Amino acid sequence: MTPACKFLKNKKIDYSVHEYDHDPNAESFGLEAAQKLGLSVHEVFKTLLVTDDINYFVTILPVDHQLNLKKAANAFSCKKLKMADPKVAERLTGYLVGGISPIAQKKRLKTVIHQSASSLKKVYVSGGKRGLDIGLDPQSLAQVLDAQFKDIVDHT
């Protein structure tokens, strides 16, 4: 049981566990999860860390979208953001890249969830290791993370 699952269980938040055989050669962890779990790419969300060189922030967005750094900076009231170094992301969260859960990270970081999640019944995020996703109500996710729903993606 990962820290994310333990956290949700302790908080008595309803969630489901979805495991799949992770392919180490997969180009996109999130798209692989959606495909192997038979889920829509609009329901499966990836967790990305960004930084303004002083603070670090968590963004949660659909796996088939690109993070818009300007929109994310606006959501966090920053001038400019860039992607966090993967090693720093692993150190801050306690999870490996490709398995970074937004839940029960080592250090609590300010978090924004893409607004599309708010209209779904269930969203799927990493459960804390590659090959493990957890499904839960997006409002519950926002509540446990003290997160807001914002537009943070590029629209193509």
N, C-alpha and C. Protein backbone atom coordinates (compact mmCIF):
# COMPACT_ATOMS: atom_id res chain seq x y z
N MET A 1 0.85 -1.19 0.00
CA MET A 1 0.00 0.00 0.00
C MET A 1 0.89 1.25 0.00
N THR A 2 0.65 2.14 -0.94
CA THR A 2 1.47 3.35 -1.07
C THR A 2 1.02 4.41 -0.05
N PRO A 3 1.86 5.42 0.19
CA PRO A 3 1.45 6.52 1.08
C PRO A 3 0.13 7.17 0.65
N ALA A 4 -0.10 7.28 -0.67
CA ALA A 4 -1.34 7.89 -1.17
C ALA A 4 -2.55 7.06 -0.76
N CYS A 5 -2.47 5.74 -0.92
CA CYS A 5 -3.58 4.86 -0.54
C CYS A 5 -3.81 4.89 0.97
N LYS A 6 -2.73 4.86 1.73
CA LYS A 6 -2.85 4.91 3.20
C LYS A 6 -3.51 6.21 3.65
N PHE A 7 -3.10 7.31 3.03
CA PHE A 7 -3.65 8.62 3.37
C PHE A 7 -5.16 8.66 3.13
N LEU A 8 -5.58 8.21 1.95
CA LEU A 8 -7.01 8.22 1.61
C LEU A 8 -7.81 7.30 2.54
N LYS A 9 -7.23 6.15 2.85
CA LYS A 9 -7.90 5.21 3.75
C LYS A 9 -8.05 5.82 5.14
N ASN A 10 -6.98 6.45 5.65
CA ASN A 10 -7.03 7.08 6.97
C ASN A 10 -8.03 8.22 7.03
N LYS A 11 -8.20 8.93 5.92
CA LYS A 11 -9.13 10.06 5.85
C LYS A 11 -10.56 9.59 5.51
N LYS A 12 -10.71 8.26 5.33
CA LYS A 12 -12.01 7.67 4.99
C LYS A 12 -12.60 8.26 3.71
N ILE A 13 -11.73 8.44 2.72
CA ILE A 13 -12.16 8.96 1.42
C ILE A 13 -12.30 7.77 0.47
N ASP A 14 -13.44 7.70 -0.18
CA ASP A 14 -13.74 6.61 -1.09
C ASP A 14 -12.83 6.69 -2.32
N TYR A 15 -12.14 5.59 -2.62
CA TYR A 15 -11.27 5.54 -3.79
C TYR A 15 -11.19 4.11 -4.30
N SER A 16 -10.75 3.96 -5.53
CA SER A 16 -10.56 2.64 -6.12
C SER A 16 -9.11 2.52 -6.59
N VAL A 17 -8.60 1.30 -6.57
CA VAL A 17 -7.22 1.03 -6.97
C VAL A 17 -7.23 0.31 -8.31
N HIS A 18 -6.38 0.77 -9.23
CA HIS A 18 -6.31 0.21 -10.58
C HIS A 18 -4.85 -0.07 -10.93
N GLU A 19 -4.51 -1.35 -11.01
CA GLU A 19 -3.13 -1.73 -11.32
C GLU A 19 -3.02 -2.24 -12.75
N TYR A 20 -1.86 -2.05 -13.35
CA TYR A 20 -1.59 -2.56 -14.68
C TYR A 20 -0.10 -2.84 -14.79
N ASP A 21 0.27 -3.65 -15.79
CA ASP A 21 1.68 -3.96 -16.01
C ASP A 21 2.33 -2.81 -16.75
N HIS A 22 3.18 -2.08 -16.03
CA HIS A 22 3.87 -0.93 -16.63
C HIS A 22 4.95 -1.41 -17.59
N ASP A 23 4.98 -0.80 -18.76
CA ASP A 23 6.02 -1.08 -19.76
C ASP A 23 7.11 -0.03 -19.60
N PRO A 24 8.33 -0.44 -19.19
CA PRO A 24 9.41 0.53 -18.99
C PRO A 24 9.76 1.32 -20.25
N ASN A 25 9.34 0.84 -21.42
CA ASN A 25 9.62 1.53 -22.68
C ASN A 25 8.51 2.49 -23.10
N ALA A 26 7.46 2.59 -22.29
CA ALA A 26 6.34 3.48 -22.64
C ALA A 26 6.83 4.92 -22.73
N GLU A 27 6.38 5.61 -23.77
CA GLU A 27 6.81 7.00 -23.97
C GLU A 27 6.08 7.97 -23.05
N SER A 28 4.83 7.65 -22.70
CA SER A 28 4.04 8.50 -21.83
C SER A 28 3.40 7.65 -20.74
N PHE A 29 3.78 7.90 -19.50
CA PHE A 29 3.22 7.13 -18.38
C PHE A 29 1.70 7.30 -18.32
N GLY A 30 1.23 8.51 -18.50
CA GLY A 30 -0.20 8.78 -18.39
C GLY A 30 -1.02 8.15 -19.49
N LEU A 31 -0.55 8.27 -20.73
CA LEU A 31 -1.27 7.67 -21.85
C LEU A 31 -1.27 6.15 -21.73
N GLU A 32 -0.16 5.59 -21.23
CA GLU A 32 -0.07 4.15 -21.01
C GLU A 32 -1.13 3.73 -19.99
N ALA A 33 -1.27 4.49 -18.91
CA ALA A 33 -2.25 4.16 -17.87
C ALA A 33 -3.66 4.16 -18.46
N ALA A 34 -4.00 5.19 -19.22
CA ALA A 34 -5.33 5.28 -19.81
C ALA A 34 -5.60 4.08 -20.71
N GLN A 35 -4.64 3.76 -21.57
CA GLN A 35 -4.81 2.66 -22.50
C GLN A 35 -4.94 1.32 -21.77
N LYS A 36 -4.03 1.05 -20.85
CA LYS A 36 -4.05 -0.26 -20.19
C LYS A 36 -5.21 -0.43 -19.22
N LEU A 37 -5.74 0.67 -18.72
CA LEU A 37 -6.88 0.58 -17.81
C LEU A 37 -8.21 0.72 -18.54
N GLY A 38 -8.14 0.97 -19.87
CA GLY A 38 -9.36 1.10 -20.66
C GLY A 38 -10.16 2.34 -20.31
N LEU A 39 -9.45 3.42 -19.98
CA LEU A 39 -10.11 4.67 -19.57
C LEU A 39 -9.92 5.74 -20.64
N SER A 40 -10.80 6.73 -20.61
CA SER A 40 -10.67 7.87 -21.51
C SER A 40 -9.49 8.73 -21.05
N VAL A 41 -8.77 9.31 -22.01
CA VAL A 41 -7.64 10.19 -21.67
C VAL A 41 -8.12 11.44 -20.94
N HIS A 42 -9.43 11.72 -20.99
CA HIS A 42 -9.97 12.88 -20.29
C HIS A 42 -10.18 12.61 -18.81
N GLU A 43 -10.18 11.32 -18.41
CA GLU A 43 -10.39 10.94 -17.02
C GLU A 43 -9.08 10.72 -16.26
N VAL A 44 -8.01 10.44 -17.00
CA VAL A 44 -6.72 10.12 -16.38
C VAL A 44 -5.87 11.39 -16.34
N PHE A 45 -5.38 11.70 -15.15
CA PHE A 45 -4.65 12.95 -14.94
C PHE A 45 -3.21 12.68 -14.53
N LYS A 46 -2.31 13.53 -15.04
CA LYS A 46 -0.90 13.42 -14.66
C LYS A 46 -0.55 14.51 -13.66
N THR A 47 0.48 14.26 -12.90
CA THR A 47 0.95 15.19 -11.86
C THR A 47 2.30 15.74 -12.31
N LEU A 48 2.38 17.05 -12.47
CA LEU A 48 3.63 17.69 -12.89
C LEU A 48 4.01 18.76 -11.86
N LEU A 49 5.31 18.81 -11.54
CA LEU A 49 5.80 19.85 -10.63
C LEU A 49 6.45 20.96 -11.42
N VAL A 50 6.19 22.18 -11.00
CA VAL A 50 6.76 23.37 -11.62
C VAL A 50 7.38 24.24 -10.53
N THR A 51 8.24 25.16 -10.95
CA THR A 51 8.91 26.03 -9.99
C THR A 51 9.12 27.43 -10.55
N ASP A 52 9.18 28.39 -9.64
CA ASP A 52 9.54 29.76 -10.01
C ASP A 52 10.97 30.05 -9.55
N ASP A 53 11.73 28.99 -9.30
CA ASP A 53 13.12 29.00 -8.81
C ASP A 53 13.20 29.26 -7.30
N ILE A 54 12.08 29.53 -6.65
CA ILE A 54 12.06 29.70 -5.20
C ILE A 54 11.11 28.66 -4.59
N ASN A 55 9.89 28.65 -5.11
CA ASN A 55 8.86 27.73 -4.63
C ASN A 55 8.54 26.67 -5.68
N TYR A 56 7.99 25.57 -5.20
CA TYR A 56 7.55 24.50 -6.08
C TYR A 56 6.04 24.35 -5.96
N PHE A 57 5.41 23.96 -7.08
CA PHE A 57 3.96 23.84 -7.14
C PHE A 57 3.59 22.55 -7.87
N VAL A 58 2.38 22.05 -7.61
CA VAL A 58 1.89 20.84 -8.25
C VAL A 58 0.75 21.20 -9.19
N THR A 59 0.82 20.66 -10.41
CA THR A 59 -0.26 20.82 -11.37
C THR A 59 -0.79 19.43 -11.71
N ILE A 60 -2.10 19.32 -11.85
CA ILE A 60 -2.74 18.05 -12.18
C ILE A 60 -3.59 18.30 -13.41
N LEU A 61 -3.29 17.58 -14.51
CA LEU A 61 -3.96 17.84 -15.77
C LEU A 61 -4.18 16.56 -16.56
N PRO A 62 -5.14 16.58 -17.50
CA PRO A 62 -5.40 15.38 -18.31
C PRO A 62 -4.14 14.93 -19.04
N VAL A 63 -3.96 13.60 -19.13
CA VAL A 63 -2.73 13.05 -19.71
C VAL A 63 -2.52 13.39 -21.18
N ASP A 64 -3.59 13.77 -21.88
CA ASP A 64 -3.45 14.08 -23.30
C ASP A 64 -3.26 15.58 -23.57
N HIS A 65 -3.04 16.35 -22.52
CA HIS A 65 -2.84 17.80 -22.68
C HIS A 65 -1.42 18.21 -22.27
N GLN A 66 -1.03 19.36 -22.78
CA GLN A 66 0.25 19.96 -22.41
C GLN A 66 -0.01 21.06 -21.38
N LEU A 67 0.83 21.13 -20.39
CA LEU A 67 0.73 22.20 -19.40
C LEU A 67 1.10 23.53 -20.04
N ASN A 68 0.29 24.55 -19.82
CA ASN A 68 0.59 25.89 -20.28
C ASN A 68 1.23 26.62 -19.10
N LEU A 69 2.53 26.87 -19.18
CA LEU A 69 3.27 27.45 -18.06
C LEU A 69 2.80 28.86 -17.71
N LYS A 70 2.35 29.62 -18.71
CA LYS A 70 1.84 30.98 -18.43
C LYS A 70 0.55 30.90 -17.62
N LYS A 71 -0.35 30.01 -18.02
CA LYS A 71 -1.61 29.85 -17.29
C LYS A 71 -1.36 29.32 -15.88
N ALA A 72 -0.41 28.40 -15.77
CA ALA A 72 -0.07 27.85 -14.45
C ALA A 72 0.52 28.95 -13.56
N ALA A 73 1.39 29.78 -14.12
CA ALA A 73 1.99 30.88 -13.36
C ALA A 73 0.88 31.81 -12.87
N ASN A 74 -0.07 32.10 -13.73
CA ASN A 74 -1.19 32.94 -13.35
C ASN A 74 -2.00 32.30 -12.22
N ALA A 75 -2.23 30.99 -12.32
CA ALA A 75 -3.00 30.27 -11.30
C ALA A 75 -2.32 30.32 -9.93
N PHE A 76 -0.99 30.35 -9.93
CA PHE A 76 -0.24 30.40 -8.68
C PHE A 76 0.24 31.81 -8.32
N SER A 77 -0.20 32.80 -9.10
CA SER A 77 0.18 34.20 -8.90
C SER A 77 1.70 34.39 -8.94
N CYS A 78 2.32 33.77 -9.94
CA CYS A 78 3.76 33.90 -10.17
C CYS A 78 4.00 34.61 -11.49
N LYS A 79 5.19 35.20 -11.62
CA LYS A 79 5.53 35.85 -12.88
C LYS A 79 5.82 34.81 -13.97
N LYS A 80 6.63 33.81 -13.60
CA LYS A 80 7.08 32.84 -14.58
C LYS A 80 7.36 31.50 -13.90
N LEU A 81 7.00 30.42 -14.57
CA LEU A 81 7.27 29.08 -14.05
C LEU A 81 8.03 28.27 -15.08
N LYS A 82 8.71 27.25 -14.60
CA LYS A 82 9.35 26.27 -15.48
C LYS A 82 9.15 24.89 -14.85
N MET A 83 9.37 23.88 -15.65
CA MET A 83 9.24 22.53 -15.14
C MET A 83 10.32 22.28 -14.08
N ALA A 84 9.94 21.56 -13.03
CA ALA A 84 10.89 21.21 -11.98
C ALA A 84 11.82 20.11 -12.47
N ASP A 85 13.03 20.13 -11.98
CA ASP A 85 13.98 19.07 -12.28
C ASP A 85 13.41 17.75 -11.74
N PRO A 86 13.44 16.68 -12.53
CA PRO A 86 12.87 15.41 -12.08
C PRO A 86 13.43 14.91 -10.74
N LYS A 87 14.72 15.08 -10.52
CA LYS A 87 15.32 14.63 -9.25
C LYS A 87 14.77 15.43 -8.06
N VAL A 88 14.57 16.72 -8.27
CA VAL A 88 14.00 17.56 -7.21
C VAL A 88 12.54 17.15 -6.97
N ALA A 89 11.82 16.88 -8.06
CA ALA A 89 10.43 16.44 -7.94
C ALA A 89 10.34 15.15 -7.12
N GLU A 90 11.25 14.23 -7.37
CA GLU A 90 11.26 12.97 -6.62
C GLU A 90 11.59 13.21 -5.16
N ARG A 91 12.55 14.07 -4.90
CA ARG A 91 12.94 14.36 -3.52
C ARG A 91 11.81 15.04 -2.74
N LEU A 92 11.14 16.00 -3.36
CA LEU A 92 10.07 16.73 -2.69
C LEU A 92 8.82 15.89 -2.45
N THR A 93 8.52 14.99 -3.40
CA THR A 93 7.29 14.22 -3.30
C THR A 93 7.45 12.88 -2.60
N GLY A 94 8.65 12.31 -2.69
CA GLY A 94 8.86 10.97 -2.15
C GLY A 94 8.45 9.88 -3.12
N TYR A 95 8.11 10.27 -4.34
CA TYR A 95 7.69 9.32 -5.37
C TYR A 95 8.63 9.40 -6.57
N LEU A 96 8.70 8.31 -7.36
CA LEU A 96 9.49 8.30 -8.58
C LEU A 96 8.72 8.93 -9.73
N VAL A 97 9.42 9.62 -10.63
CA VAL A 97 8.80 10.19 -11.83
C VAL A 97 8.09 9.05 -12.57
N GLY A 98 6.89 9.32 -13.03
CA GLY A 98 6.08 8.29 -13.67
C GLY A 98 5.14 7.64 -12.67
N GLY A 99 5.37 7.93 -11.39
CA GLY A 99 4.52 7.39 -10.34
C GLY A 99 4.27 8.43 -9.27
N ILE A 100 4.47 9.71 -9.62
CA ILE A 100 4.26 10.78 -8.63
C ILE A 100 2.77 10.99 -8.42
N SER A 101 2.34 10.69 -7.22
CA SER A 101 0.94 10.92 -6.85
C SER A 101 0.83 12.33 -6.30
N PRO A 102 -0.30 12.99 -6.57
CA PRO A 102 -0.49 14.31 -5.96
C PRO A 102 -0.84 14.19 -4.47
N ILE A 103 -1.16 12.97 -4.04
CA ILE A 103 -1.64 12.73 -2.68
C ILE A 103 -0.52 12.20 -1.79
N ALA A 104 -0.44 12.73 -0.57
CA ALA A 104 0.51 12.27 0.45
C ALA A 104 1.97 12.44 0.03
N GLN A 105 2.26 13.57 -0.58
CA GLN A 105 3.65 13.87 -0.91
C GLN A 105 4.40 14.22 0.36
N LYS A 106 5.73 14.04 0.34
CA LYS A 106 6.55 14.33 1.52
C LYS A 106 6.40 15.77 1.97
N LYS A 107 6.35 16.68 1.01
CA LYS A 107 6.21 18.10 1.32
C LYS A 107 4.91 18.59 0.69
N ARG A 108 4.04 19.21 1.48
CA ARG A 108 2.76 19.70 0.96
C ARG A 108 3.01 20.95 0.11
N LEU A 109 2.65 20.88 -1.14
CA LEU A 109 2.86 21.98 -2.08
C LEU A 109 1.52 22.51 -2.57
N LYS A 110 1.50 23.81 -2.86
CA LYS A 110 0.29 24.43 -3.41
C LYS A 110 -0.04 23.73 -4.73
N THR A 111 -1.33 23.40 -4.90
CA THR A 111 -1.75 22.55 -6.02
C THR A 111 -2.93 23.16 -6.78
N VAL A 112 -2.90 22.98 -8.11
CA VAL A 112 -4.00 23.36 -8.98
C VAL A 112 -4.37 22.15 -9.84
N ILE A 113 -5.67 21.92 -9.99
CA ILE A 113 -6.19 20.84 -10.82
C ILE A 113 -6.87 21.47 -12.04
N HIS A 114 -6.63 20.90 -13.21
CA HIS A 114 -7.28 21.46 -14.40
C HIS A 114 -8.79 21.42 -14.24
N GLN A 115 -9.42 22.50 -14.68
CA GLN A 115 -10.86 22.69 -14.47
C GLN A 115 -11.73 21.60 -15.08
N SER A 116 -11.25 20.88 -16.08
CA SER A 116 -12.08 19.83 -16.69
C SER A 116 -12.41 18.72 -15.69
N ALA A 117 -11.58 18.55 -14.67
CA ALA A 117 -11.81 17.50 -13.67
C ALA A 117 -13.09 17.76 -12.89
N SER A 118 -13.43 19.03 -12.70
CA SER A 118 -14.58 19.37 -11.85
C SER A 118 -15.91 18.87 -12.40
N SER A 119 -15.96 18.57 -13.70
CA SER A 119 -17.23 18.10 -14.28
C SER A 119 -17.31 16.58 -14.39
N LEU A 120 -16.27 15.89 -13.93
CA LEU A 120 -16.25 14.42 -14.01
C LEU A 120 -16.75 13.79 -12.71
N LYS A 121 -17.27 12.58 -12.83
CA LYS A 121 -17.70 11.84 -11.64
C LYS A 121 -16.49 11.24 -10.91
N LYS A 122 -15.48 10.85 -11.70
CA LYS A 122 -14.29 10.22 -11.14
C LYS A 122 -13.08 10.60 -11.97
N VAL A 123 -11.96 10.86 -11.30
CA VAL A 123 -10.70 11.09 -11.99
C VAL A 123 -9.71 10.04 -11.50
N TYR A 124 -8.72 9.79 -12.33
CA TYR A 124 -7.70 8.79 -12.02
C TYR A 124 -6.35 9.49 -11.98
N VAL A 125 -5.65 9.34 -10.87
CA VAL A 125 -4.32 9.93 -10.71
C VAL A 125 -3.37 8.82 -10.27
N SER A 126 -2.09 9.10 -10.36
CA SER A 126 -1.11 8.09 -9.94
C SER A 126 -1.32 7.75 -8.47
N GLY A 127 -1.20 6.47 -8.20
CA GLY A 127 -1.35 6.00 -6.82
C GLY A 127 -0.05 5.99 -6.05
N GLY A 128 1.04 6.41 -6.69
CA GLY A 128 2.31 6.50 -5.98
C GLY A 128 3.38 5.56 -6.48
N LYS A 129 3.08 4.82 -7.53
CA LYS A 129 4.11 4.03 -8.19
C LYS A 129 3.68 3.77 -9.62
N ARG A 130 4.65 3.46 -10.46
CA ARG A 130 4.34 3.18 -11.86
C ARG A 130 3.48 1.92 -11.92
N GLY A 131 2.41 1.99 -12.72
CA GLY A 131 1.53 0.84 -12.85
C GLY A 131 0.40 0.83 -11.83
N LEU A 132 0.20 1.94 -11.12
CA LEU A 132 -0.87 2.00 -10.12
C LEU A 132 -1.56 3.37 -10.19
N ASP A 133 -2.84 3.34 -10.49
CA ASP A 133 -3.64 4.57 -10.46
C ASP A 133 -4.75 4.42 -9.42
N ILE A 134 -5.19 5.55 -8.89
CA ILE A 134 -6.33 5.53 -7.99
C ILE A 134 -7.41 6.43 -8.58
N GLY A 135 -8.64 5.94 -8.47
CA GLY A 135 -9.78 6.70 -8.95
C GLY A 135 -10.54 7.27 -7.78
N LEU A 136 -10.91 8.54 -7.89
CA LEU A 136 -11.69 9.16 -6.82
C LEU A 136 -12.47 10.36 -7.35
N ASP A 137 -13.41 10.79 -6.55
CA ASP A 137 -14.22 11.95 -6.89
C ASP A 137 -13.31 13.19 -6.97
N PRO A 138 -13.40 13.99 -8.04
CA PRO A 138 -12.51 15.16 -8.16
C PRO A 138 -12.68 16.18 -7.02
N GLN A 139 -13.89 16.28 -6.48
CA GLN A 139 -14.10 17.21 -5.36
C GLN A 139 -13.34 16.72 -4.12
N SER A 140 -13.33 15.42 -3.92
CA SER A 140 -12.56 14.85 -2.80
C SER A 140 -11.07 15.09 -2.99
N LEU A 141 -10.61 14.93 -4.23
CA LEU A 141 -9.20 15.17 -4.54
C LEU A 141 -8.85 16.62 -4.23
N ALA A 142 -9.67 17.55 -4.70
CA ALA A 142 -9.41 18.98 -4.45
C ALA A 142 -9.43 19.27 -2.95
N GLN A 143 -10.33 18.64 -2.24
CA GLN A 143 -10.45 18.89 -0.80
C GLN A 143 -9.20 18.41 -0.04
N VAL A 144 -8.73 17.20 -0.31
CA VAL A 144 -7.57 16.68 0.42
C VAL A 144 -6.28 17.42 0.07
N LEU A 145 -6.25 18.01 -1.13
CA LEU A 145 -5.06 18.74 -1.56
C LEU A 145 -5.18 20.24 -1.32
N ASP A 146 -6.34 20.68 -0.87
CA ASP A 146 -6.62 22.10 -0.72
C ASP A 146 -6.33 22.81 -2.04
N ALA A 147 -6.81 22.20 -3.12
CA ALA A 147 -6.51 22.67 -4.48
C ALA A 147 -7.72 23.36 -5.10
N GLN A 148 -7.44 24.19 -6.09
CA GLN A 148 -8.48 24.86 -6.85
C GLN A 148 -8.48 24.32 -8.27
N PHE A 149 -9.63 24.46 -8.94
CA PHE A 149 -9.75 24.07 -10.34
C PHE A 149 -9.50 25.32 -11.19
N LYS A 150 -8.55 25.20 -12.13
CA LYS A 150 -8.19 26.33 -13.00
C LYS A 150 -7.86 25.81 -14.41
N ASP A 151 -7.90 26.71 -15.37
CA ASP A 151 -7.48 26.37 -16.74
C ASP A 151 -5.96 26.51 -16.80
N ILE A 152 -5.27 25.37 -16.96
CA ILE A 152 -3.79 25.40 -16.96
C ILE A 152 -3.20 24.67 -18.17
N VAL A 153 -4.02 24.41 -19.20
CA VAL A 153 -3.51 23.64 -20.33
C VAL A 153 -3.57 24.44 -21.64
N ASP A 154 -2.77 23.97 -22.60
CA ASP A 154 -2.85 24.50 -23.96
C ASP A 154 -4.07 23.90 -24.62
N HIS A 155 -4.79 24.72 -25.36
CA HIS A 155 -5.95 24.21 -26.10
C HIS A 155 -5.58 24.17 -27.57
N THR A 156 -5.68 22.97 -28.13
CA THR A 156 -5.29 22.81 -29.55
C THR A 156 -6.49 22.58 -30.42
